[in-house]
Amino acid sequence: MLFRSDVVALSPRLRHYGAIYQRSGGSDRTFSADADFSSVGTNFVQLIGIDPEAEAKVTHLQEWLANAKGALVEVSKAQWAPEPLGPDLQVPGELERRGRNAHGLPTSEHGEWRSIWPGMLLGGRRLAGMPLLRTGYPIDLVAVAWAQHGGANGDAGVTTLKKTFACAGAYATGARLFDEVTALVAIEPLREMLGESALDSSSIELVTDVAIRAKDGLSEHQLANLAKRLRTLVVPVLGKDTTAEVLTWREQNTVILDAVDLERAMTTAVLFAVMLIAAFLIYATLHMMVTQKTKDIGILTALGGGPCEVGSVFTRCGLVIGVLGASTGVVLGVVSVIQLNPINDWMQREFGIALFDHSLFDLPAIPYRLEPGWIAQVAIAALAMSLLVAWLPARKAARLSPVKALSYE
């Protein structure tokens, strides 16, 4: 296929929703009364079944696991598995045995214990809010799904699903909302819970979406074209009535990217308003200067100064003001952006005021990017506006009649 060179790796995913319950001791569980997927204070989560090996080729899964141990998330070291996870994200057998013993579940005290429960990775913030949970401890999952042969009473068509997972640690992608509401599990145990066991010859490899990693360096236009080409292959396989879509990263994050674009537009509007105010002040200053220097203008005209020479005096004043203002603004702006994080930390430490709330955005530092082209456009626009507003008083001064100017006052 022509597009194979543009696709680096694929990873199947299976999405479902459910509620997780942390056992506080014995068979007791902690419950939440709110079905709110936007908070870590509830039991409800979005489950994503992944193939760990394939997922690591598409996303930065290993980095997510390492990030959770860093400064972004504060979690006790006792909650981390010291060894690599198994194929189903399973924790080492000794850790699972410790979890079973802590909750009064049967284990074999002699010989090596092999993990039975599949593992579940939780977002770092959610795991930090569950202090009783340790690696290898049980997590009970309750979900619902459409039953193939009707519900328990044969009428609702909905059945309740229950499965026990072992806490396999935490991950941190840096996207706060995703981390707080999403739990990662191996795809096969999730398929089995939904009634599609790999041991059943009639089962299907249930998948809700496929993550695709494109070749590095592709532009947004090239990614859009790749999505169109992939879509032409999806429709014949799934049928014309399929609702499947092939979405680029921008299309998947339309809401947040539109919000960023709106903020940029609002910033531009505010900057334009500030430039208008500055231009008005320049105009008012030069207009007052022309009014106060009317007699001086008359003397210059009487001594042979032409309209161009008289007008250029005030035009140069506007040019000097514009150059000084634009250059000072660019220097201060660039320096303040580069030092934005130290300034933000100092204001928060000294005055309790944060320009950028780290807890809200869940980022270790304020992200910024200096665009020389955009900075140059703003500086040139400011300089042009200062020349424009300086031209109006200069035009008035150049048109003054020497007789009227000398008879002023």
Protein backbone atom coordinates (compact mmCIF):
# COMPACT_ATOMS: atom_id res chain seq x y z
CA MET A 1 0.00 0.00 0.00
CA LEU A 2 1.13 3.53 -0.71
CA PHE A 3 0.51 4.69 2.85
CA ARG A 4 2.39 1.90 4.63
CA SER A 5 5.54 3.97 4.71
CA ASP A 6 3.63 6.68 6.60
CA VAL A 7 2.31 4.30 9.30
CA VAL A 8 4.89 3.26 11.87
CA ALA A 9 2.84 1.14 14.29
CA LEU A 10 -0.69 0.12 15.27
CA SER A 11 -2.19 -0.75 18.63
CA PRO A 12 -5.71 -2.13 19.30
CA ARG A 13 -7.76 -0.66 22.13
CA LEU A 14 -10.99 -1.60 23.84
CA ARG A 15 -12.90 1.11 25.71
CA HIS A 16 -15.50 0.46 28.36
CA TYR A 17 -16.81 2.15 31.49
CA GLY A 18 -17.24 0.91 35.01
CA ALA A 19 -16.74 1.53 38.72
CA ILE A 20 -13.71 0.45 40.72
CA TYR A 21 -13.77 -0.28 44.43
CA GLN A 22 -10.82 -0.29 46.76
CA ARG A 23 -10.96 -2.86 49.53
CA SER A 24 -10.16 -1.12 52.79
CA GLY A 25 -9.64 -4.36 54.71
CA GLY A 26 -11.17 -7.82 54.71
CA SER A 27 -14.14 -7.76 52.32
CA ASP A 28 -15.07 -4.12 53.01
CA ARG A 29 -15.13 -1.66 50.12
CA THR A 30 -15.18 2.09 49.75
CA PHE A 31 -18.08 3.48 47.72
CA SER A 32 -18.88 6.71 45.90
CA ALA A 33 -22.36 8.15 45.52
CA ASP A 34 -21.57 10.39 42.53
CA ALA A 35 -21.36 9.17 38.94
CA ASP A 36 -18.93 11.88 37.85
CA PHE A 37 -16.24 11.04 35.31
CA SER A 38 -14.55 14.44 35.69
CA SER A 39 -13.22 13.91 39.21
CA VAL A 40 -10.85 11.57 41.02
CA GLY A 41 -13.21 11.60 43.98
CA THR A 42 -15.53 9.01 42.43
CA ASN A 43 -15.25 5.31 41.66
CA PHE A 44 -16.25 5.68 38.02
CA VAL A 45 -13.53 5.29 35.40
CA GLN A 46 -13.04 4.92 31.69
CA LEU A 47 -11.39 1.57 31.05
CA ILE A 48 -9.01 1.24 28.12
CA GLY A 49 -7.84 -2.24 27.29
CA ILE A 50 -4.43 -2.17 25.62
CA ASP A 51 -1.86 -4.55 24.24
CA PRO A 52 1.13 -3.37 26.34
CA GLU A 53 3.73 -4.38 23.78
CA ALA A 54 1.93 -2.77 20.83
CA GLU A 55 0.92 0.28 22.88
CA ALA A 56 4.53 1.00 23.77
CA LYS A 57 5.33 1.27 20.05
CA VAL A 58 2.51 3.74 19.39
CA THR A 59 2.51 5.87 22.53
CA HIS A 60 5.05 6.75 25.21
CA LEU A 61 3.76 4.12 27.65
CA GLN A 62 7.13 3.54 29.31
CA GLU A 63 7.57 7.29 29.77
CA TRP A 64 4.09 7.51 31.30
CA LEU A 65 5.10 4.93 33.88
CA ALA A 66 8.35 6.77 34.59
CA ASN A 67 6.61 10.16 34.78
CA ALA A 68 4.29 8.92 37.52
CA LYS A 69 7.33 8.35 39.73
CA GLY A 70 8.59 11.87 39.16
CA ALA A 71 7.64 15.26 40.51
CA LEU A 72 4.23 15.34 38.85
CA VAL A 73 2.67 12.83 41.22
CA GLU A 74 3.37 12.22 44.88
CA VAL A 75 2.79 8.56 45.61
CA SER A 76 4.31 6.37 48.29
CA LYS A 77 7.16 4.13 47.12
CA ALA A 78 5.27 1.21 48.60
CA GLN A 79 2.75 1.55 45.78
CA TRP A 80 5.29 0.79 43.06
CA ALA A 81 6.17 -2.60 41.68
CA PRO A 82 9.97 -3.04 41.78
CA GLU A 83 9.97 -5.42 38.81
CA PRO A 84 8.67 -5.20 35.21
CA LEU A 85 4.99 -6.01 34.73
CA GLY A 86 3.83 -9.20 33.03
CA PRO A 87 2.09 -9.52 29.65
CA ASP A 88 -1.34 -8.77 31.16
CA LEU A 89 0.18 -5.95 33.23
CA GLN A 90 0.39 -8.55 35.98
CA VAL A 91 2.44 -7.73 39.06
CA PRO A 92 5.10 -10.08 40.46
CA GLY A 93 3.56 -13.08 42.23
CA GLU A 94 5.01 -12.19 45.63
CA LEU A 95 3.31 -8.79 45.56
CA GLU A 96 -0.03 -10.34 44.69
CA ARG A 97 0.39 -12.84 47.54
CA ARG A 98 1.04 -9.92 49.89
CA GLY A 99 -2.14 -8.26 48.69
CA ARG A 100 -4.16 -11.43 49.14
CA ASN A 101 -2.82 -11.92 52.65
CA ALA A 102 -3.62 -8.31 53.57
CA HIS A 103 -7.26 -8.89 52.63
CA GLY A 104 -7.69 -12.36 54.06
CA LEU A 105 -7.79 -14.13 50.71
CA PRO A 106 -6.47 -17.70 50.34
CA THR A 107 -2.88 -18.19 49.22
CA SER A 108 -0.27 -20.88 49.27
CA GLU A 109 2.31 -20.08 51.94
CA HIS A 110 4.89 -22.40 50.41
CA GLY A 111 6.52 -22.28 47.03
CA GLU A 112 6.41 -19.57 44.39
CA TRP A 113 3.10 -17.84 43.90
CA ARG A 114 2.08 -16.98 40.35
CA SER A 115 -0.12 -13.95 39.70
CA ILE A 116 -3.75 -14.70 38.93
CA TRP A 117 -5.28 -11.25 38.78
CA PRO A 118 -4.63 -9.12 35.68
CA GLY A 119 -3.11 -5.74 36.47
CA MET A 120 -4.69 -2.30 36.37
CA LEU A 121 -2.77 0.97 35.98
CA LEU A 122 -4.38 4.04 37.52
CA GLY A 123 -3.65 7.70 36.95
CA GLY A 124 -1.12 9.01 39.46
CA ARG A 125 -3.49 11.48 41.09
CA ARG A 126 -6.21 8.88 41.49
CA LEU A 127 -3.77 6.40 43.01
CA ALA A 128 -2.41 9.08 45.34
CA GLY A 129 -5.97 9.57 46.59
CA MET A 130 -6.23 5.87 47.52
CA PRO A 131 -3.64 5.62 50.32
CA LEU A 132 -4.63 2.09 51.35
CA LEU A 133 -3.87 0.71 47.90
CA ARG A 134 -0.51 -0.93 47.23
CA THR A 135 0.95 -2.80 44.30
CA GLY A 136 -0.63 -6.24 44.21
CA TYR A 137 -3.68 -5.22 46.24
CA PRO A 138 -7.09 -6.13 44.74
CA ILE A 139 -9.28 -3.65 42.85
CA ASP A 140 -12.86 -4.75 42.24
CA LEU A 141 -14.37 -3.65 38.95
CA VAL A 142 -18.12 -3.53 38.33
CA ALA A 143 -19.48 -2.74 34.86
CA VAL A 144 -22.54 -3.37 32.74
CA ALA A 145 -22.91 -4.56 29.16
CA TRP A 146 -25.58 -5.74 26.77
CA ALA A 147 -26.15 -9.44 27.29
CA GLN A 148 -26.07 -11.61 24.19
CA HIS A 149 -29.08 -13.61 25.43
CA GLY A 150 -30.93 -11.01 27.47
CA GLY A 151 -30.44 -9.86 31.02
CA ALA A 152 -30.80 -11.74 34.27
CA ASN A 153 -34.60 -11.58 33.96
CA GLY A 154 -34.59 -12.08 30.22
CA ASP A 155 -36.10 -8.65 29.50
CA ALA A 156 -33.61 -5.83 30.06
CA GLY A 157 -30.82 -7.11 27.84
CA VAL A 158 -28.27 -5.70 30.31
CA THR A 159 -26.02 -7.77 32.54
CA THR A 160 -23.74 -6.83 35.41
CA LEU A 161 -20.05 -7.70 35.06
CA LYS A 162 -17.63 -8.14 37.93
CA LYS A 163 -13.91 -8.80 37.87
CA THR A 164 -10.97 -8.44 40.25
CA PHE A 165 -7.77 -6.75 39.11
CA ALA A 166 -4.50 -6.16 40.93
CA CYS A 167 -3.11 -2.66 41.35
CA ALA A 168 -0.14 -2.54 38.98
CA GLY A 169 0.96 1.00 39.80
CA ALA A 170 0.35 4.36 38.17
CA TYR A 171 0.98 6.26 34.98
CA ALA A 172 1.07 9.98 34.15
CA THR A 173 0.55 11.23 30.59
CA GLY A 174 0.55 14.90 31.60
CA ALA A 175 -3.08 15.31 30.46
CA ARG A 176 -4.88 15.85 33.75
CA LEU A 177 -8.41 14.95 32.64
CA PHE A 178 -7.26 11.74 30.95
CA ASP A 179 -5.17 10.65 33.94
CA GLU A 180 -7.94 11.31 36.45
CA VAL A 181 -10.69 9.34 34.72
CA THR A 182 -8.86 6.55 32.88
CA ALA A 183 -7.64 3.15 34.02
CA LEU A 184 -5.40 1.05 31.77
CA VAL A 185 -5.80 -2.73 31.70
CA ALA A 186 -4.69 -5.48 29.34
CA ILE A 187 -7.08 -5.94 26.46
CA GLU A 188 -7.52 -9.73 26.77
CA PRO A 189 -8.85 -9.74 30.37
CA LEU A 190 -11.26 -6.95 29.43
CA ARG A 191 -12.45 -8.92 26.40
CA GLU A 192 -12.92 -11.96 28.62
CA MET A 193 -15.00 -9.91 31.05
CA LEU A 194 -17.19 -8.76 28.15
CA GLY A 195 -17.79 -12.37 27.07
CA GLU A 196 -15.20 -12.66 24.30
CA SER A 197 -12.67 -15.05 25.80
CA ALA A 198 -9.73 -16.08 23.65
CA LEU A 199 -10.36 -19.70 24.75
CA ASP A 200 -13.76 -19.63 23.01
CA SER A 201 -13.41 -20.49 19.32
CA SER A 202 -16.56 -18.49 18.51
CA SER A 203 -15.34 -15.33 20.20
CA ILE A 204 -14.19 -12.26 18.33
CA GLU A 205 -11.22 -9.97 18.90
CA LEU A 206 -13.34 -7.14 20.24
CA VAL A 207 -11.86 -3.69 19.48
CA THR A 208 -13.40 -0.23 19.74
CA ASP A 209 -10.55 1.77 18.24
CA VAL A 210 -7.03 1.42 16.91
CA ALA A 211 -4.24 3.82 17.80
CA ILE A 212 -2.02 4.68 14.84
CA ARG A 213 1.43 6.19 14.99
CA ALA A 214 2.39 8.05 11.84
CA LYS A 215 5.88 8.71 10.60
CA ASP A 216 7.61 11.61 12.30
CA GLY A 217 7.78 14.87 10.41
CA LEU A 218 4.39 14.69 8.65
CA SER A 219 2.58 18.01 8.40
CA GLU A 220 -1.05 18.47 9.39
CA HIS A 221 -2.01 18.43 5.73
CA GLN A 222 -0.17 15.14 5.19
CA LEU A 223 -1.80 13.65 8.29
CA ALA A 224 -5.22 14.68 6.99
CA ASN A 225 -4.49 13.02 3.65
CA LEU A 226 -3.31 9.86 5.42
CA ALA A 227 -6.55 9.80 7.42
CA LYS A 228 -8.58 10.05 4.21
CA ARG A 229 -6.66 7.17 2.63
CA LEU A 230 -7.15 5.00 5.71
CA ARG A 231 -10.84 5.86 5.76
CA THR A 232 -11.23 4.53 2.22
CA LEU A 233 -9.99 1.15 3.50
CA VAL A 234 -12.13 1.13 6.64
CA VAL A 235 -15.49 1.64 4.92
CA PRO A 236 -15.34 -1.45 2.65
CA VAL A 237 -14.31 -3.66 5.58
CA LEU A 238 -16.94 -2.44 8.06
CA GLY A 239 -19.69 -1.62 5.57
CA LYS A 240 -21.23 1.57 4.22
CA ASP A 241 -23.38 2.05 7.34
CA THR A 242 -20.41 2.06 9.69
CA THR A 243 -19.97 4.97 12.06
CA ALA A 244 -16.21 4.38 12.31
CA GLU A 245 -14.00 7.41 11.80
CA VAL A 246 -10.29 7.95 11.19
CA LEU A 247 -9.32 11.00 13.26
CA THR A 248 -6.06 12.88 13.45
CA TRP A 249 -4.70 14.10 16.77
CA ARG A 250 -6.11 17.57 16.07
CA GLU A 251 -9.59 16.21 15.39
CA GLN A 252 -9.48 14.15 18.57
CA ASN A 253 -8.54 17.22 20.62
CA THR A 254 -10.77 19.74 18.88
CA VAL A 255 -12.26 21.12 22.09
CA ILE A 256 -9.00 21.99 23.83
CA LEU A 257 -7.33 23.21 20.62
CA ASP A 258 -10.31 25.44 19.84
CA ALA A 259 -10.06 26.81 23.38
CA VAL A 260 -6.36 27.56 22.84
CA ASP A 261 -7.13 29.28 19.52
CA LEU A 262 -9.84 31.33 21.24
CA GLU A 263 -7.40 32.40 23.94
CA ARG A 264 -4.87 33.40 21.30
CA ALA A 265 -7.53 35.43 19.50
CA MET A 266 -8.54 37.12 22.76
CA THR A 267 -4.89 37.90 23.51
CA THR A 268 -4.50 39.43 20.07
CA ALA A 269 -7.63 41.53 20.60
CA VAL A 270 -6.34 42.77 23.98
CA LEU A 271 -2.96 43.56 22.43
CA PHE A 272 -4.67 45.51 19.64
CA ALA A 273 -6.69 47.48 22.22
CA VAL A 274 -3.50 48.34 24.11
CA MET A 275 -1.88 49.50 20.87
CA LEU A 276 -4.90 51.72 20.13
CA ILE A 277 -4.62 53.33 23.57
CA ALA A 278 -0.89 53.90 23.06
CA ALA A 279 -1.57 55.40 19.62
CA PHE A 280 -4.17 57.75 21.07
CA LEU A 281 -1.68 58.92 23.71
CA ILE A 282 0.96 59.57 21.02
CA TYR A 283 -1.56 61.52 18.97
CA ALA A 284 -2.72 63.55 21.96
CA THR A 285 0.88 64.38 22.94
CA LEU A 286 1.91 65.49 19.47
CA HIS A 287 -1.34 67.41 18.89
CA MET A 288 -0.76 69.30 22.14
CA MET A 289 2.82 69.98 21.09
CA VAL A 290 1.66 71.45 17.78
CA THR A 291 -0.83 73.65 19.62
CA GLN A 292 1.77 74.88 22.12
CA LYS A 293 4.44 75.47 19.47
CA THR A 294 2.25 77.39 17.01
CA LYS A 295 4.34 80.57 17.22
CA ASP A 296 7.55 78.58 16.86
CA ILE A 297 6.12 76.90 13.78
CA GLY A 298 5.26 80.33 12.36
CA ILE A 299 8.82 81.56 12.91
CA LEU A 300 10.27 78.48 11.18
CA THR A 301 7.91 78.98 8.25
CA ALA A 302 8.76 82.68 8.02
CA LEU A 303 12.49 81.84 7.96
CA GLY A 304 11.96 79.66 4.90
CA GLY A 305 10.94 76.31 6.33
CA GLY A 306 8.70 74.47 3.91
CA PRO A 307 5.67 72.35 4.83
CA CYS A 308 7.66 69.12 4.42
CA GLU A 309 10.43 70.27 6.75
CA VAL A 310 7.96 71.46 9.40
CA GLY A 311 5.88 68.28 9.19
CA SER A 312 8.97 66.06 9.32
CA VAL A 313 9.85 67.45 12.75
CA PHE A 314 6.71 65.98 14.30
CA THR A 315 6.84 62.86 12.17
CA ARG A 316 10.32 62.14 13.51
CA CYS A 317 9.04 62.64 17.06
CA GLY A 318 6.42 59.96 16.41
CA LEU A 319 9.06 57.72 14.82
CA VAL A 320 11.37 58.05 17.85
CA ILE A 321 8.51 57.31 20.23
CA GLY A 322 7.47 54.29 18.14
CA VAL A 323 11.00 52.86 17.89
CA LEU A 324 11.68 53.29 21.61
CA GLY A 325 8.29 51.88 22.59
CA ALA A 326 8.41 48.91 20.21
CA SER A 327 12.01 47.96 21.07
CA THR A 328 11.42 48.32 24.81
CA GLY A 329 8.23 46.29 24.57
CA VAL A 330 9.92 43.50 22.58
CA VAL A 331 12.86 43.26 24.99
CA LEU A 332 10.69 43.29 28.11
CA GLY A 333 8.22 40.87 26.55
CA VAL A 334 10.84 38.32 25.53
CA VAL A 335 12.66 38.53 28.88
CA SER A 336 9.41 38.21 30.86
CA VAL A 337 8.37 35.15 28.82
CA ILE A 338 11.75 33.47 29.30
CA GLN A 339 11.61 34.20 33.04
CA LEU A 340 7.88 33.46 33.32
CA ASN A 341 8.27 30.37 35.51
CA PRO A 342 10.62 32.03 38.06
CA ILE A 343 8.30 35.08 38.15
CA ASN A 344 5.25 32.88 38.66
CA ASP A 345 6.93 30.91 41.45
CA TRP A 346 8.14 34.12 43.14
CA MET A 347 4.68 35.73 43.05
CA GLN A 348 3.08 32.58 44.42
CA ARG A 349 5.69 32.32 47.18
CA GLU A 350 5.70 35.98 48.21
CA PHE A 351 2.13 37.10 47.57
CA GLY A 352 0.14 33.88 47.17
CA ILE A 353 -0.87 34.93 43.63
CA ALA A 354 -0.25 32.52 40.76
CA LEU A 355 -0.32 33.65 37.16
CA PHE A 356 -0.45 29.98 36.22
CA ASP A 357 -1.96 27.42 38.58
CA HIS A 358 0.03 24.17 38.28
CA SER A 359 -2.69 22.16 40.05
CA LEU A 360 -5.25 23.30 37.48
CA PHE A 361 -3.24 22.47 34.36
CA ASP A 362 -1.21 19.64 35.91
CA LEU A 363 1.99 20.77 34.21
CA PRO A 364 5.40 21.07 35.88
CA ALA A 365 6.10 24.42 34.20
CA ILE A 366 4.34 27.09 32.16
CA PRO A 367 4.69 26.11 28.50
CA TYR A 368 5.63 28.86 26.05
CA ARG A 369 7.00 29.26 22.57
CA LEU A 370 8.58 32.38 21.16
CA GLU A 371 7.64 33.01 17.54
CA PRO A 372 10.06 35.55 16.02
CA GLY A 373 7.79 36.13 13.04
CA TRP A 374 4.79 37.02 15.20
CA ILE A 375 6.93 39.25 17.45
CA ALA A 376 8.26 41.08 14.39
CA GLN A 377 4.72 41.57 13.05
CA VAL A 378 3.57 43.13 16.32
CA ALA A 379 6.63 45.41 16.51
CA ILE A 380 6.19 46.56 12.89
CA ALA A 381 2.46 47.12 13.44
CA ALA A 382 3.16 49.22 16.54
CA LEU A 383 5.76 51.29 14.66
CA ALA A 384 3.42 51.80 11.68
CA MET A 385 0.58 52.87 13.96
CA SER A 386 2.80 55.39 15.74
CA LEU A 387 3.85 56.89 12.37
CA LEU A 388 0.20 57.06 11.29
CA VAL A 389 -0.97 58.94 14.37
CA ALA A 390 2.10 61.20 14.18
CA TRP A 391 1.28 62.08 10.58
CA LEU A 392 -2.00 63.77 11.58
CA PRO A 393 -0.47 66.44 13.90
CA ALA A 394 2.46 66.82 11.45
CA ARG A 395 -0.03 67.50 8.64
CA LYS A 396 -1.74 70.15 10.75
CA ALA A 397 1.61 71.83 11.53
CA ALA A 398 2.67 71.80 7.87
CA ARG A 399 -0.56 73.53 6.82
CA LEU A 400 -0.28 76.39 9.30
CA SER A 401 -0.11 79.81 7.64
CA PRO A 402 2.87 81.89 8.88
CA VAL A 403 0.61 84.95 9.40
CA LYS A 404 -1.90 83.02 11.48
CA ALA A 405 0.86 81.22 13.37
CA LEU A 406 2.68 84.49 14.28
CA SER A 407 -0.61 86.15 15.28
CA TYR A 408 -1.44 83.25 17.60
CA GLU A 409 -2.39 84.50 21.06
